[in-house]
Every structure is written in structure tokens, then in C-alpha cells.
Amino acid sequence: MCGEYDALLPWPFSQMVTLMLLDQSGSGKYNVQCFKPEPSSSFWQPKSEMNVASAYVKDDAMFFKVMIDSLIGVVVHGLMLV
């Protein structure tokens, strides 16, 4: 969707994105994952007030799957972000 500062920003969006899983115990051990966006139309300047709907957000909810490799195999957990 369009934003107040879109005209001032460089397009397409090509900045490095960093996702962090934060440790809440106070130890400061974070899990960090970085990626650079693909040059697809998703990262070009928005042209309309609303984005084209995708299957990632439905009824104001987004789901993540976390896969953990363990000694006994892969453990899969689901997470819902509302």
C-alpha cells in the first residue's frame, strides 16, 4: 500500500532484511536470519492504495512454520501471528 514517503524512497526496494528471533531470558542470544529481496514486482513502488491480496494474510492472521532439526528427526511447530 502507498505510504507518505514513497516518493522519497529508492525503488525497487533492495535493502538487506534482517529477521531476529529474540531471546526473552535476558541472555541476549538472538537467532538472526538475513536476506536480500528478489527483483520482483512485489518490491516496486506501490501504485494503488491497497496491495493485491495474497494467501499469506487471511482474516488478519499470518502463520509461520518452524522446523527444528533434532537428533531424532525434524520437529515441526506452527505459529500464528495475529
C-alpha atoms as a PDB file:
ATOM      1  CA  MET A   1       0.000   0.000   0.000  1.00  0.00           C
ATOM      2  CA  CYS A   2       1.091   3.549  -0.604  1.00  0.00           C
ATOM      3  CA  GLY A   3       2.931   5.435   2.110  1.00  0.00           C
ATOM      4  CA  GLU A   4       3.569   9.060   2.931  1.00  0.00           C
ATOM      5  CA  TYR A   5       7.267   8.903   1.979  1.00  0.00           C
ATOM      6  CA  ASP A   6       7.101   6.659  -1.117  1.00  0.00           C
ATOM      7  CA  ALA A   7       8.214   9.470  -3.432  1.00  0.00           C
ATOM      8  CA  LEU A   8      11.385   9.950  -1.367  1.00  0.00           C
ATOM      9  CA  LEU A   9      12.425   6.291  -1.254  1.00  0.00           C
ATOM     10  CA  PRO A  10      14.558   4.452  -3.836  1.00  0.00           C
ATOM     11  CA  TRP A  11      12.634   1.808  -5.805  1.00  0.00           C
ATOM     12  CA  PRO A  12      12.644  -1.140  -6.209  1.00  0.00           C
ATOM     13  CA  PHE A  13      13.257  -1.974  -2.568  1.00  0.00           C
ATOM     14  CA  SER A  14      16.617  -3.731  -2.430  1.00  0.00           C
ATOM     15  CA  GLN A  15      17.812  -3.309   1.143  1.00  0.00           C
ATOM     16  CA  MET A  16      19.007  -6.221   3.221  1.00  0.00           C
ATOM     17  CA  VAL A  17      16.254  -7.552   5.537  1.00  0.00           C
ATOM     18  CA  THR A  18      17.136  -8.992   8.942  1.00  0.00           C
ATOM     19  CA  LEU A  19      14.720 -11.165  10.920  1.00  0.00           C
ATOM     20  CA  MET A  20      15.568 -11.808  14.561  1.00  0.00           C
ATOM     21  CA  LEU A  21      14.118 -14.370  16.955  1.00  0.00           C
ATOM     22  CA  LEU A  22      14.557 -12.643  20.311  1.00  0.00           C
ATOM     23  CA  ASP A  23      15.652 -14.482  23.450  1.00  0.00           C
ATOM     24  CA  GLN A  24      13.375 -13.343  26.276  1.00  0.00           C
ATOM     25  CA  SER A  25      15.517 -14.767  29.091  1.00  0.00           C
ATOM     26  CA  GLY A  26      17.805 -11.739  29.134  1.00  0.00           C
ATOM     27  CA  SER A  27      20.871 -13.598  27.846  1.00  0.00           C
ATOM     28  CA  GLY A  28      20.854 -11.610  24.599  1.00  0.00           C
ATOM     29  CA  LYS A  29      21.166 -14.724  22.422  1.00  0.00           C
ATOM     30  CA  TYR A  30      19.223 -13.922  19.276  1.00  0.00           C
ATOM     31  CA  ASN A  31      18.668 -16.056  16.201  1.00  0.00           C
ATOM     32  CA  VAL A  32      19.306 -13.882  13.149  1.00  0.00           C
ATOM     33  CA  GLN A  33      18.386 -14.569   9.517  1.00  0.00           C
ATOM     34  CA  CYS A  34      19.250 -12.112   6.714  1.00  0.00           C
ATOM     35  CA  PHE A  35      18.119 -11.988   3.101  1.00  0.00           C
ATOM     36  CA  LYS A  36      18.140  -9.620   0.143  1.00  0.00           C
ATOM     37  CA  PRO A  37      14.823  -9.145  -1.731  1.00  0.00           C
ATOM     38  CA  GLU A  38      14.342 -10.636  -5.188  1.00  0.00           C
ATOM     39  CA  PRO A  39      13.844  -8.153  -8.033  1.00  0.00           C
ATOM     40  CA  SER A  40      10.132  -8.992  -8.366  1.00  0.00           C
ATOM     41  CA  SER A  41       7.217  -6.577  -8.712  1.00  0.00           C
ATOM     42  CA  SER A  42       6.479  -7.035  -5.004  1.00  0.00           C
ATOM     43  CA  PHE A  43       9.356  -4.679  -4.223  1.00  0.00           C
ATOM     44  CA  TRP A  44       8.474  -1.891  -6.696  1.00  0.00           C
ATOM     45  CA  GLN A  45       6.828   1.360  -5.607  1.00  0.00           C
ATOM     46  CA  PRO A  46       3.121   0.853  -4.777  1.00  0.00           C
ATOM     47  CA  LYS A  47       0.760   2.325  -7.382  1.00  0.00           C
ATOM     48  CA  SER A  48      -2.587   1.843  -5.609  1.00  0.00           C
ATOM     49  CA  GLU A  49      -3.952   2.450  -2.129  1.00  0.00           C
ATOM     50  CA  MET A  50      -4.283  -1.282  -1.368  1.00  0.00           C
ATOM     51  CA  ASN A  51      -1.946  -4.166  -2.187  1.00  0.00           C
ATOM     52  CA  VAL A  52      -3.027  -7.123  -4.263  1.00  0.00           C
ATOM     53  CA  ALA A  53      -4.255  -9.764  -1.850  1.00  0.00           C
ATOM     54  CA  SER A  54      -2.049 -12.772  -1.238  1.00  0.00           C
ATOM     55  CA  ALA A  55      -2.611 -16.040   0.523  1.00  0.00           C
ATOM     56  CA  TYR A  56      -0.234 -15.129   3.364  1.00  0.00           C
ATOM     57  CA  VAL A  57      -2.636 -12.997   5.423  1.00  0.00           C
ATOM     58  CA  LYS A  58      -6.234 -14.155   5.870  1.00  0.00           C
ATOM     59  CA  ASP A  59      -8.722 -12.890   8.463  1.00  0.00           C
ATOM     60  CA  ASP A  60      -5.961 -10.692   9.944  1.00  0.00           C
ATOM     61  CA  ALA A  61      -3.808 -13.742  10.763  1.00  0.00           C
ATOM     62  CA  MET A  62      -0.439 -14.937   9.441  1.00  0.00           C
ATOM     63  CA  PHE A  63       1.006 -18.407  10.063  1.00  0.00           C
ATOM     64  CA  PHE A  64       4.662 -19.417  10.328  1.00  0.00           C
ATOM     65  CA  LYS A  65       6.110 -22.911  10.320  1.00  0.00           C
ATOM     66  CA  VAL A  66       9.237 -23.550  12.355  1.00  0.00           C
ATOM     67  CA  MET A  67      11.254 -26.677  11.558  1.00  0.00           C
ATOM     68  CA  ILE A  68      13.862 -27.839  14.033  1.00  0.00           C
ATOM     69  CA  ASP A  69      16.432 -30.483  13.145  1.00  0.00           C
ATOM     70  CA  SER A  70      16.998 -32.716  16.144  1.00  0.00           C
ATOM     71  CA  LEU A  71      18.849 -35.958  16.765  1.00  0.00           C
ATOM     72  CA  ILE A  72      15.616 -37.917  16.249  1.00  0.00           C
ATOM     73  CA  GLY A  73      14.470 -36.125  13.078  1.00  0.00           C
ATOM     74  CA  VAL A  74      12.768 -32.897  12.105  1.00  0.00           C
ATOM     75  CA  VAL A  75      10.311 -31.380  14.580  1.00  0.00           C
ATOM     76  CA  VAL A  76       7.669 -29.084  13.087  1.00  0.00           C
ATOM     77  CA  HIS A  77       5.848 -26.413  15.068  1.00  0.00           C
ATOM     78  CA  GLY A  78       3.210 -23.955  13.908  1.00  0.00           C
ATOM     79  CA  LEU A  79       2.927 -20.333  14.991  1.00  0.00           C
ATOM     80  CA  MET A  80       0.047 -17.949  14.405  1.00  0.00           C
ATOM     81  CA  LEU A  81       0.707 -14.217  14.396  1.00  0.00           C
ATOM     82  CA  VAL A  82      -2.413 -12.095  14.849  1.00  0.00           C
END
